[in-house]
Structures are given as C-alpha cells and as structure tokens.
Amino acid sequence: MGTRLPARTLRDANADPVRLDASVRAIVFTADRQASAWVHPLLAEWGAAALAQHHVIVLVDLSAMPALITRMFALPKLRALPFSLGLVQDEAETADLPRQAGQATLIQLEALEVTDIRFLPDAAALQMALQGPPVSQP
C-alpha cells in the first residue's frame, strides 16, 4: 500500500498492447491456473467495454508454463476471450505484484499508487469488489 507501480506495457494473446498507466484504477491479476479458471469466465461476462469503463486491466502470469504449451493451448484459449489480458511471459515483469495460490489479486490504484490490495478466493468476491468503491467511481 502506498507503493507506486511503474508504468509498463505488456502484450495480449494477439500481441496488442495492454498498458498499465495512470488511467488504470484496478488490476485483476492471476498467477495460477486455479484462479484463472474462475476469473476469466466472470470477466467474460463483464466484457471489454465494462472493464474499460471501470478502468480495469487484467494480467495473467504464464511464466511457469512451458513455451510449447503456451503456444499450442493457452494462447488460442486466451484469444477467444471477449476481453484483453496482459500476458506475463517473464516472472520478473510482475515480481512486484503480490499473489496467493488459487486466488485473484485485486490491486486498486490512483495514478499508479497502490491504494488497496485484496486476495479474492472466488468469483462472487471479485464481482463484489469490482462493483464497490473505489473501482467503480469515475
């Protein structure tokens, strides 16, 4: 809390940029398959427009996955999602983001300064967190 994250640009499954900059109000970060399994369907319901409206970006850590598995299985699946995710291919890119096994990390920001960090165990908790302040405020 109170830490300022550096601005950065990651690539999504289509090699398009996903920017972490001062406009981002929240990061939903998954670091394992267990969390991604429930986060992605929930955010698919939200869709890209709602995530953009709430200034939320999604990051997924694929650094532990073998490159062949990433190319053959993960990327095609991620391309099919109705929203963009920043792909972490090198663990060092997100070493500053906290994580807990099986949980999504919700990091709330104000001009890249961390204002809140929550570890969310399921879709209901993430849905509630994204609808409440300060994420939903303009």
Protein backbone atom coordinates (compact mmCIF):
# COMPACT_ATOMS: atom_id res chain seq x y z
CA MET A 1 0.00 0.00 0.00
CA GLY A 2 1.26 3.44 -0.90
CA THR A 3 3.76 1.97 -3.35
CA ARG A 4 3.87 3.46 -6.82
CA LEU A 5 3.89 0.91 -9.63
CA PRO A 6 5.96 1.68 -12.70
CA ALA A 7 4.05 2.21 -15.92
CA ARG A 8 4.55 -0.71 -18.28
CA THR A 9 3.17 -2.26 -21.41
CA LEU A 10 2.50 -5.96 -21.78
CA ARG A 11 1.19 -7.79 -24.82
CA ASP A 12 -2.06 -9.72 -25.05
CA ALA A 13 -2.62 -13.03 -26.83
CA ASN A 14 -2.86 -11.17 -30.16
CA ALA A 15 0.34 -9.19 -29.46
CA ASP A 16 -1.68 -6.00 -28.90
CA PRO A 17 -0.55 -3.69 -26.10
CA VAL A 18 -2.08 -3.75 -22.63
CA ARG A 19 -0.94 -0.64 -20.81
CA LEU A 20 -0.57 -0.12 -17.10
CA ASP A 21 -0.60 3.65 -16.84
CA ALA A 22 -2.05 6.41 -14.66
CA SER A 23 -5.55 5.87 -16.08
CA VAL A 24 -5.80 2.34 -14.65
CA ARG A 25 -7.91 2.17 -11.48
CA ALA A 26 -7.56 -1.58 -10.84
CA ILE A 27 -5.56 -4.62 -11.84
CA VAL A 28 -7.03 -8.11 -11.68
CA PHE A 29 -4.01 -10.41 -11.55
CA THR A 30 -3.97 -14.20 -11.68
CA ALA A 31 -0.77 -16.11 -11.13
CA ASP A 32 -2.04 -19.67 -11.44
CA ARG A 33 -4.45 -21.85 -13.35
CA GLN A 34 -6.81 -22.32 -10.41
CA ALA A 35 -7.58 -18.59 -10.12
CA SER A 36 -7.71 -18.07 -13.89
CA ALA A 37 -10.35 -20.83 -14.14
CA TRP A 38 -12.94 -18.71 -12.30
CA VAL A 39 -11.67 -15.19 -13.05
CA HIS A 40 -11.80 -15.45 -16.86
CA PRO A 41 -15.45 -16.59 -17.09
CA LEU A 42 -16.58 -13.81 -14.74
CA LEU A 43 -14.68 -11.14 -16.66
CA ALA A 44 -16.00 -12.58 -19.94
CA GLU A 45 -19.49 -11.77 -18.60
CA TRP A 46 -18.33 -8.23 -17.91
CA GLY A 47 -16.75 -7.87 -21.35
CA ALA A 48 -14.12 -5.48 -22.65
CA ALA A 49 -16.37 -2.40 -22.60
CA ALA A 50 -17.25 -2.73 -18.90
CA LEU A 51 -13.63 -3.36 -17.95
CA ALA A 52 -12.56 -0.28 -19.91
CA GLN A 53 -15.37 1.81 -18.39
CA HIS A 54 -14.18 0.85 -14.91
CA HIS A 55 -10.50 1.33 -15.91
CA VAL A 56 -9.64 -2.27 -15.05
CA ILE A 57 -6.86 -4.24 -16.71
CA VAL A 58 -6.34 -7.97 -16.41
CA LEU A 59 -2.93 -9.60 -16.13
CA VAL A 60 -2.19 -13.32 -16.20
CA ASP A 61 1.17 -14.87 -15.30
CA LEU A 62 2.13 -17.57 -17.80
CA SER A 63 5.82 -17.54 -16.92
CA ALA A 64 5.81 -21.01 -15.33
CA MET A 65 4.10 -22.59 -18.33
CA PRO A 66 6.34 -24.28 -20.91
CA ALA A 67 6.51 -22.25 -24.14
CA LEU A 68 5.13 -25.08 -26.28
CA ILE A 69 2.07 -25.46 -24.03
CA THR A 70 1.58 -21.70 -24.03
CA ARG A 71 1.63 -21.51 -27.84
CA MET A 72 -0.46 -24.61 -28.52
CA PHE A 73 -3.09 -24.40 -25.79
CA ALA A 74 -3.09 -21.25 -23.67
CA LEU A 75 -2.84 -18.58 -26.37
CA PRO A 76 -5.69 -19.94 -28.54
CA LYS A 77 -7.92 -20.14 -25.45
CA LEU A 78 -6.99 -16.61 -24.35
CA ARG A 79 -7.60 -15.22 -27.86
CA ALA A 80 -11.18 -16.48 -27.64
CA LEU A 81 -11.96 -14.38 -24.55
CA PRO A 82 -14.07 -11.24 -25.15
CA PHE A 83 -11.55 -9.04 -23.33
CA SER A 84 -7.82 -8.47 -23.46
CA LEU A 85 -5.33 -9.77 -20.89
CA GLY A 86 -1.76 -8.68 -20.43
CA LEU A 87 0.37 -11.80 -20.66
CA VAL A 88 3.30 -12.15 -18.30
CA GLN A 89 5.89 -14.32 -20.00
CA ASP A 90 8.75 -13.38 -17.68
CA GLU A 91 8.09 -13.60 -13.94
CA ALA A 92 10.32 -10.55 -13.37
CA GLU A 93 7.73 -8.38 -15.18
CA THR A 94 5.30 -8.76 -12.28
CA ALA A 95 7.60 -9.61 -9.39
CA ASP A 96 6.20 -6.50 -7.66
CA LEU A 97 2.61 -7.83 -7.77
CA PRO A 98 1.51 -9.84 -4.73
CA ARG A 99 -0.07 -13.24 -5.20
CA GLN A 100 -1.59 -16.10 -3.24
CA ALA A 101 -2.18 -19.59 -4.62
CA GLY A 102 -5.65 -20.12 -6.04
CA GLN A 103 -6.72 -16.52 -5.51
CA ALA A 104 -7.02 -13.49 -7.73
CA THR A 105 -5.22 -10.37 -6.65
CA LEU A 106 -7.17 -7.12 -6.98
CA ILE A 107 -4.90 -4.10 -6.82
CA GLN A 108 -6.63 -0.75 -6.72
CA LEU A 109 -4.73 2.27 -7.94
CA GLU A 110 -4.83 6.03 -8.03
CA ALA A 111 -2.36 7.44 -10.58
CA LEU A 112 -0.31 4.20 -10.28
CA GLU A 113 -0.17 4.42 -6.48
CA VAL A 114 -1.45 1.30 -4.75
CA THR A 115 -4.44 2.21 -2.57
CA ASP A 116 -5.70 -1.29 -1.76
CA ILE A 117 -4.73 -4.93 -2.29
CA ARG A 118 -7.16 -7.80 -1.86
CA PHE A 119 -6.81 -11.52 -2.39
CA LEU A 120 -10.10 -12.87 -3.65
CA PRO A 121 -10.98 -16.59 -3.35
CA ASP A 122 -13.88 -16.80 -5.82
CA ALA A 123 -15.98 -15.12 -8.49
CA ALA A 124 -18.52 -13.76 -6.02
CA ALA A 125 -15.81 -11.93 -4.07
CA LEU A 126 -14.32 -10.48 -7.25
CA GLN A 127 -17.73 -9.39 -8.54
CA MET A 128 -18.48 -7.63 -5.24
CA ALA A 129 -15.07 -5.97 -5.15
CA LEU A 130 -15.32 -4.66 -8.71
CA GLN A 131 -18.77 -3.18 -8.13
CA GLY A 132 -17.85 -1.35 -4.96
CA PRO A 133 -15.83 1.83 -4.49
CA PRO A 134 -13.28 2.98 -5.41
CA VAL A 135 -13.07 0.88 -8.59
CA SER A 136 -16.49 1.89 -9.93
CA GLN A 137 -16.00 5.62 -9.38
CA PRO A 138 -15.11 7.73 -12.43
